[in-house]
C-alpha cells in the first residue's frame, strides 16, 4: 500500500456513526479509537501483497459432486 492511512480520531468515528445512523457518544468514540486503529492495521496487513494473476471471485466455481 503506497498511501499512509490517517490515524483514527473520535471526530472521524462520530461522523461514521452518523452516516450509519447509529448513536455514538463522544466518550464512547474516544474509547473506540484504539480498537479501530487495530482493525485498520489488520486490514492494511492484508493489503500488502500483489495479487498478480489471481482470478476475480466471480470466476470461482465450486464443484461439490465427485
Protein backbone atom coordinates (compact mmCIF):
# COMPACT_ATOMS: atom_id res chain seq x y z
CA UNK A 1 0.00 0.00 0.00
CA UNK A 2 1.64 3.20 -1.10
CA UNK A 3 -0.52 5.66 0.83
CA UNK A 4 -0.30 6.02 4.58
CA UNK A 5 -3.60 5.78 6.43
CA UNK A 6 -4.62 8.79 8.51
CA UNK A 7 -4.87 7.84 12.18
CA UNK A 8 -8.36 7.44 13.57
CA UNK A 9 -9.77 10.12 15.81
CA UNK A 10 -13.04 10.48 17.73
CA UNK A 11 -14.46 13.00 15.25
CA UNK A 12 -13.96 10.56 12.37
CA UNK A 13 -15.73 7.77 14.28
CA UNK A 14 -18.59 10.07 15.25
CA UNK A 15 -19.04 11.06 11.59
CA UNK A 16 -19.06 7.41 10.51
CA UNK A 17 -21.64 6.60 13.18
CA UNK A 18 -23.84 9.47 11.99
CA UNK A 19 -23.61 8.18 8.40
CA UNK A 20 -24.70 4.74 9.62
CA UNK A 21 -27.48 6.35 11.70
CA UNK A 22 -26.04 4.88 14.90
CA UNK A 23 -25.90 6.73 18.21
CA UNK A 24 -22.36 7.21 19.50
CA UNK A 25 -21.44 9.42 22.42
CA UNK A 26 -18.19 11.40 22.31
CA UNK A 27 -16.90 9.39 25.30
CA UNK A 28 -17.56 6.08 23.53
CA UNK A 29 -15.95 7.36 20.32
CA UNK A 30 -12.80 8.22 22.28
CA UNK A 31 -12.75 4.69 23.73
CA UNK A 32 -13.12 3.11 20.27
CA UNK A 33 -10.19 4.92 18.62
CA UNK A 34 -7.53 2.39 19.75
CA UNK A 35 -9.73 -0.54 18.67
CA UNK A 36 -10.35 0.99 15.24
CA UNK A 37 -6.64 1.62 14.77
CA UNK A 38 -6.09 -2.10 15.42
CA UNK A 39 -8.77 -3.06 12.88
CA UNK A 40 -7.29 -0.76 10.25
CA UNK A 41 -3.82 -2.15 10.97
CA UNK A 42 -5.09 -5.69 10.31
CA UNK A 43 -6.77 -4.57 7.08
CA UNK A 44 -3.58 -2.87 5.92
CA UNK A 45 -1.62 -6.08 6.60
CA UNK A 46 -3.98 -7.94 4.25
CA UNK A 47 -3.29 -5.38 1.53
CA UNK A 48 0.49 -5.87 1.44
CA UNK A 49 0.94 -8.45 -1.32
CA UNK A 50 0.40 -8.10 -5.02
CA UNK A 51 -2.38 -10.27 -6.38
CA UNK A 52 -0.78 -10.81 -9.76
CA UNK A 53 -2.87 -13.10 -11.93
CA UNK A 54 -5.41 -14.05 -9.28
CA UNK A 55 -8.81 -14.56 -10.87
CA UNK A 56 -11.70 -12.46 -9.58
CA UNK A 57 -14.04 -14.11 -7.08
CA UNK A 58 -16.92 -14.37 -9.55
CA UNK A 59 -14.83 -16.78 -11.66
CA UNK A 60 -14.69 -19.31 -8.83
CA UNK A 61 -16.96 -22.31 -9.38
CA UNK A 62 -17.22 -24.81 -6.58
CA UNK A 63 -17.79 -28.39 -7.68
CA UNK A 64 -19.44 -30.42 -4.96
CA UNK A 65 -20.12 -33.61 -6.92
CA UNK A 66 -17.30 -36.09 -7.32
